[in-house]
């Protein structure tokens, strides 16, 4: 019984110490990967940066979050590739939206713009100006309306 208790205590201590290593820290624009810096200069040069946060997760996964004073947010992976663009009430730049998704939204929701887009290896998620969330596969084919 003591051996089991000691083993569980060691496991709990190791888990707690690993979780403590996952940290967020505030960084400067110059500390972002070059690709993310270029993205911000291209698509958000008129916005003022509130803060830039480096999110380090367990097992060396890094993400960068850039929060603007108007509430807009940009998220980048460790290499500076964009993962999410959330402009709240403004349209996401058309160059960031795959053609198939643009075509679907303009045909199915003609009076709406895309105000948020997120991508990962398997899908895109977009939010329209009317608050509707849509999911697309990695090729831009519509999958479903997300609740």
C-alpha atoms as a PDB file:
ATOM      1  CA  UNK A   1       0.000   0.000   0.000  1.00  0.00           C
ATOM      2  CA  UNK A   2       2.866   2.399   0.815  1.00  0.00           C
ATOM      3  CA  UNK A   3       4.472   1.656  -2.559  1.00  0.00           C
ATOM      4  CA  UNK A   4       1.295   2.567  -4.420  1.00  0.00           C
ATOM      5  CA  UNK A   5       0.943   5.777  -2.415  1.00  0.00           C
ATOM      6  CA  UNK A   6       4.574   6.731  -3.074  1.00  0.00           C
ATOM      7  CA  UNK A   7       4.198   5.984  -6.800  1.00  0.00           C
ATOM      8  CA  UNK A   8       1.043   8.097  -7.039  1.00  0.00           C
ATOM      9  CA  UNK A   9       2.742  10.918  -5.135  1.00  0.00           C
ATOM     10  CA  UNK A  10       5.716  10.889  -7.511  1.00  0.00           C
ATOM     11  CA  UNK A  11       3.428  10.876 -10.568  1.00  0.00           C
ATOM     12  CA  UNK A  12       1.381  13.764  -9.156  1.00  0.00           C
ATOM     13  CA  UNK A  13       4.539  15.747  -8.404  1.00  0.00           C
ATOM     14  CA  UNK A  14       5.921  15.166 -11.909  1.00  0.00           C
ATOM     15  CA  UNK A  15       2.626  16.190 -13.523  1.00  0.00           C
ATOM     16  CA  UNK A  16       2.499  19.365 -11.451  1.00  0.00           C
ATOM     17  CA  UNK A  17       6.080  20.297 -12.310  1.00  0.00           C
ATOM     18  CA  UNK A  18       5.489  19.676 -16.047  1.00  0.00           C
ATOM     19  CA  UNK A  19       2.372  21.848 -15.970  1.00  0.00           C
ATOM     20  CA  UNK A  20       4.365  24.595 -14.278  1.00  0.00           C
ATOM     21  CA  UNK A  21       6.793  24.545 -17.207  1.00  0.00           C
ATOM     22  CA  UNK A  22       3.986  25.425 -19.640  1.00  0.00           C
ATOM     23  CA  UNK A  23       4.109  29.214 -19.509  1.00  0.00           C
ATOM     24  CA  UNK A  24       2.865  32.295 -21.266  1.00  0.00           C
ATOM     25  CA  UNK A  25       5.028  35.375 -21.512  1.00  0.00           C
ATOM     26  CA  UNK A  26       4.676  38.795 -23.047  1.00  0.00           C
ATOM     27  CA  UNK A  27       7.127  39.535 -25.857  1.00  0.00           C
ATOM     28  CA  UNK A  28       7.894  42.364 -28.302  1.00  0.00           C
ATOM     29  CA  UNK A  29       7.037  42.499 -32.002  1.00  0.00           C
ATOM     30  CA  UNK A  30      10.696  41.877 -32.850  1.00  0.00           C
ATOM     31  CA  UNK A  31      10.546  38.527 -31.038  1.00  0.00           C
ATOM     32  CA  UNK A  32       7.819  37.166 -33.319  1.00  0.00           C
ATOM     33  CA  UNK A  33       8.973  34.933 -36.183  1.00  0.00           C
ATOM     34  CA  UNK A  34       9.743  37.020 -39.306  1.00  0.00           C
ATOM     35  CA  UNK A  35       6.750  35.608 -41.171  1.00  0.00           C
ATOM     36  CA  UNK A  36       4.365  36.713 -38.388  1.00  0.00           C
ATOM     37  CA  UNK A  37       5.994  40.163 -38.289  1.00  0.00           C
ATOM     38  CA  UNK A  38       5.449  40.508 -42.033  1.00  0.00           C
ATOM     39  CA  UNK A  39       1.823  39.378 -41.663  1.00  0.00           C
ATOM     40  CA  UNK A  40       1.151  42.011 -38.987  1.00  0.00           C
ATOM     41  CA  UNK A  41       2.780  44.738 -41.102  1.00  0.00           C
ATOM     42  CA  UNK A  42       0.733  43.689 -44.152  1.00  0.00           C
ATOM     43  CA  UNK A  43      -2.698  43.114 -42.608  1.00  0.00           C
ATOM     44  CA  UNK A  44      -2.724  45.051 -39.332  1.00  0.00           C
ATOM     45  CA  UNK A  45      -0.400  48.011 -39.819  1.00  0.00           C
ATOM     46  CA  UNK A  46      -3.161  50.513 -38.973  1.00  0.00           C
ATOM     47  CA  UNK A  47      -3.988  48.756 -35.700  1.00  0.00           C
ATOM     48  CA  UNK A  48      -2.205  49.314 -32.412  1.00  0.00           C
ATOM     49  CA  UNK A  49      -0.824  46.282 -30.603  1.00  0.00           C
ATOM     50  CA  UNK A  50      -2.082  45.782 -27.052  1.00  0.00           C
ATOM     51  CA  UNK A  51       0.232  42.832 -26.349  1.00  0.00           C
ATOM     52  CA  UNK A  52       1.983  39.856 -27.914  1.00  0.00           C
ATOM     53  CA  UNK A  53       1.999  36.632 -25.960  1.00  0.00           C
ATOM     54  CA  UNK A  54       4.220  33.600 -26.451  1.00  0.00           C
ATOM     55  CA  UNK A  55       2.345  30.510 -25.319  1.00  0.00           C
ATOM     56  CA  UNK A  56       4.656  27.592 -24.602  1.00  0.00           C
ATOM     57  CA  UNK A  57       2.892  24.317 -24.034  1.00  0.00           C
ATOM     58  CA  UNK A  58       4.192  20.980 -22.870  1.00  0.00           C
ATOM     59  CA  UNK A  59       6.540  19.143 -25.188  1.00  0.00           C
ATOM     60  CA  UNK A  60       7.879  22.316 -26.843  1.00  0.00           C
ATOM     61  CA  UNK A  61       4.742  23.429 -28.714  1.00  0.00           C
ATOM     62  CA  UNK A  62       4.756  27.193 -29.236  1.00  0.00           C
ATOM     63  CA  UNK A  63       2.031  29.570 -30.322  1.00  0.00           C
ATOM     64  CA  UNK A  64       2.013  33.329 -30.599  1.00  0.00           C
ATOM     65  CA  UNK A  65      -1.052  35.451 -29.883  1.00  0.00           C
ATOM     66  CA  UNK A  66      -1.185  39.087 -30.974  1.00  0.00           C
ATOM     67  CA  UNK A  67      -3.989  41.113 -29.414  1.00  0.00           C
ATOM     68  CA  UNK A  68      -4.787  44.538 -30.838  1.00  0.00           C
ATOM     69  CA  UNK A  69      -6.267  47.471 -28.932  1.00  0.00           C
ATOM     70  CA  UNK A  70      -9.480  47.274 -30.986  1.00  0.00           C
ATOM     71  CA  UNK A  71      -9.990  43.649 -29.838  1.00  0.00           C
ATOM     72  CA  UNK A  72      -8.763  41.970 -33.023  1.00  0.00           C
ATOM     73  CA  UNK A  73      -6.619  38.880 -32.503  1.00  0.00           C
ATOM     74  CA  UNK A  74      -4.095  36.961 -34.568  1.00  0.00           C
ATOM     75  CA  UNK A  75      -2.656  33.577 -33.688  1.00  0.00           C
ATOM     76  CA  UNK A  76       0.499  32.114 -35.229  1.00  0.00           C
ATOM     77  CA  UNK A  77       2.307  28.788 -34.973  1.00  0.00           C
ATOM     78  CA  UNK A  78       5.948  28.417 -33.961  1.00  0.00           C
ATOM     79  CA  UNK A  79       7.120  29.253 -37.512  1.00  0.00           C
ATOM     80  CA  UNK A  80       4.971  32.380 -37.827  1.00  0.00           C
ATOM     81  CA  UNK A  81       2.258  30.872 -40.037  1.00  0.00           C
ATOM     82  CA  UNK A  82      -1.164  32.248 -39.208  1.00  0.00           C
ATOM     83  CA  UNK A  83      -3.567  29.869 -37.473  1.00  0.00           C
ATOM     84  CA  UNK A  84      -6.405  32.235 -36.657  1.00  0.00           C
ATOM     85  CA  UNK A  85      -7.487  35.728 -37.655  1.00  0.00           C
ATOM     86  CA  UNK A  86     -10.320  37.282 -35.638  1.00  0.00           C
ATOM     87  CA  UNK A  87     -11.222  40.812 -36.687  1.00  0.00           C
ATOM     88  CA  UNK A  88     -14.412  40.902 -34.570  1.00  0.00           C
ATOM     89  CA  UNK A  89     -16.610  43.132 -36.765  1.00  0.00           C
ATOM     90  CA  UNK A  90     -14.373  43.738 -39.788  1.00  0.00           C
ATOM     91  CA  UNK A  91     -13.953  41.506 -42.810  1.00  0.00           C
ATOM     92  CA  UNK A  92     -10.942  39.198 -42.968  1.00  0.00           C
ATOM     93  CA  UNK A  93      -8.691  40.175 -45.913  1.00  0.00           C
ATOM     94  CA  UNK A  94      -9.810  38.289 -48.993  1.00  0.00           C
ATOM     95  CA  UNK A  95      -6.259  37.012 -49.686  1.00  0.00           C
ATOM     96  CA  UNK A  96      -6.408  34.890 -46.522  1.00  0.00           C
ATOM     97  CA  UNK A  97      -9.596  33.068 -47.497  1.00  0.00           C
ATOM     98  CA  UNK A  98      -9.348  30.107 -49.897  1.00  0.00           C
ATOM     99  CA  UNK A  99     -11.259  30.666 -53.148  1.00  0.00           C
ATOM    100  CA  UNK A 100     -13.662  27.749 -52.533  1.00  0.00           C
ATOM    101  CA  UNK A 101     -14.683  29.184 -49.162  1.00  0.00           C
ATOM    102  CA  UNK A 102     -15.104  32.700 -50.604  1.00  0.00           C
ATOM    103  CA  UNK A 103     -17.303  31.312 -53.380  1.00  0.00           C
ATOM    104  CA  UNK A 104     -19.464  29.290 -50.990  1.00  0.00           C
ATOM    105  CA  UNK A 105     -19.980  32.186 -48.589  1.00  0.00           C
ATOM    106  CA  UNK A 106     -20.738  34.727 -51.325  1.00  0.00           C
ATOM    107  CA  UNK A 107     -23.292  32.354 -52.906  1.00  0.00           C
ATOM    108  CA  UNK A 108     -24.939  31.027 -49.725  1.00  0.00           C
ATOM    109  CA  UNK A 109     -24.640  34.083 -47.478  1.00  0.00           C
ATOM    110  CA  UNK A 110     -24.383  37.035 -49.904  1.00  0.00           C
ATOM    111  CA  UNK A 111     -24.953  39.808 -47.370  1.00  0.00           C
ATOM    112  CA  UNK A 112     -22.333  38.592 -44.899  1.00  0.00           C
ATOM    113  CA  UNK A 113     -18.591  38.838 -44.589  1.00  0.00           C
ATOM    114  CA  UNK A 114     -16.102  36.540 -42.890  1.00  0.00           C
ATOM    115  CA  UNK A 115     -14.938  38.174 -39.659  1.00  0.00           C
ATOM    116  CA  UNK A 116     -12.964  35.234 -38.272  1.00  0.00           C
ATOM    117  CA  UNK A 117     -11.067  32.371 -39.881  1.00  0.00           C
ATOM    118  CA  UNK A 118      -9.080  29.583 -38.244  1.00  0.00           C
ATOM    119  CA  UNK A 119      -7.189  26.790 -39.944  1.00  0.00           C
ATOM    120  CA  UNK A 120      -5.455  23.587 -39.012  1.00  0.00           C
ATOM    121  CA  UNK A 121      -4.241  20.650 -41.085  1.00  0.00           C
ATOM    122  CA  UNK A 122      -7.693  19.158 -41.597  1.00  0.00           C
ATOM    123  CA  UNK A 123     -10.174  22.024 -41.741  1.00  0.00           C
ATOM    124  CA  UNK A 124     -11.092  25.688 -41.770  1.00  0.00           C
ATOM    125  CA  UNK A 125     -13.564  27.287 -39.417  1.00  0.00           C
ATOM    126  CA  UNK A 126     -15.084  30.637 -40.289  1.00  0.00           C
ATOM    127  CA  UNK A 127     -17.430  32.992 -38.501  1.00  0.00           C
ATOM    128  CA  UNK A 128     -19.691  35.231 -40.519  1.00  0.00           C
ATOM    129  CA  UNK A 129     -20.750  38.776 -39.649  1.00  0.00           C
ATOM    130  CA  UNK A 130     -24.201  37.416 -38.715  1.00  0.00           C
ATOM    131  CA  UNK A 131     -22.580  35.197 -36.031  1.00  0.00           C
ATOM    132  CA  UNK A 132     -22.974  31.923 -37.936  1.00  0.00           C
ATOM    133  CA  UNK A 133     -20.034  29.479 -37.698  1.00  0.00           C
ATOM    134  CA  UNK A 134     -19.195  27.308 -40.699  1.00  0.00           C
ATOM    135  CA  UNK A 135     -16.761  24.415 -41.104  1.00  0.00           C
ATOM    136  CA  UNK A 136     -14.907  23.479 -44.289  1.00  0.00           C
ATOM    137  CA  UNK A 137     -12.423  20.724 -45.040  1.00  0.00           C
ATOM    138  CA  UNK A 138      -8.808  21.542 -45.897  1.00  0.00           C
ATOM    139  CA  UNK A 139      -9.725  21.909 -49.583  1.00  0.00           C
ATOM    140  CA  UNK A 140     -12.479  24.437 -48.822  1.00  0.00           C
ATOM    141  CA  UNK A 141     -15.455  22.092 -49.255  1.00  0.00           C
ATOM    142  CA  UNK A 142     -18.366  22.986 -46.957  1.00  0.00           C
ATOM    143  CA  UNK A 143     -18.885  20.441 -44.168  1.00  0.00           C
ATOM    144  CA  UNK A 144     -21.466  21.859 -41.784  1.00  0.00           C
ATOM    145  CA  UNK A 145     -22.824  24.727 -39.780  1.00  0.00           C
ATOM    146  CA  UNK A 146     -21.237  24.611 -36.354  1.00  0.00           C
ATOM    147  CA  UNK A 147     -23.403  25.185 -33.291  1.00  0.00           C
END
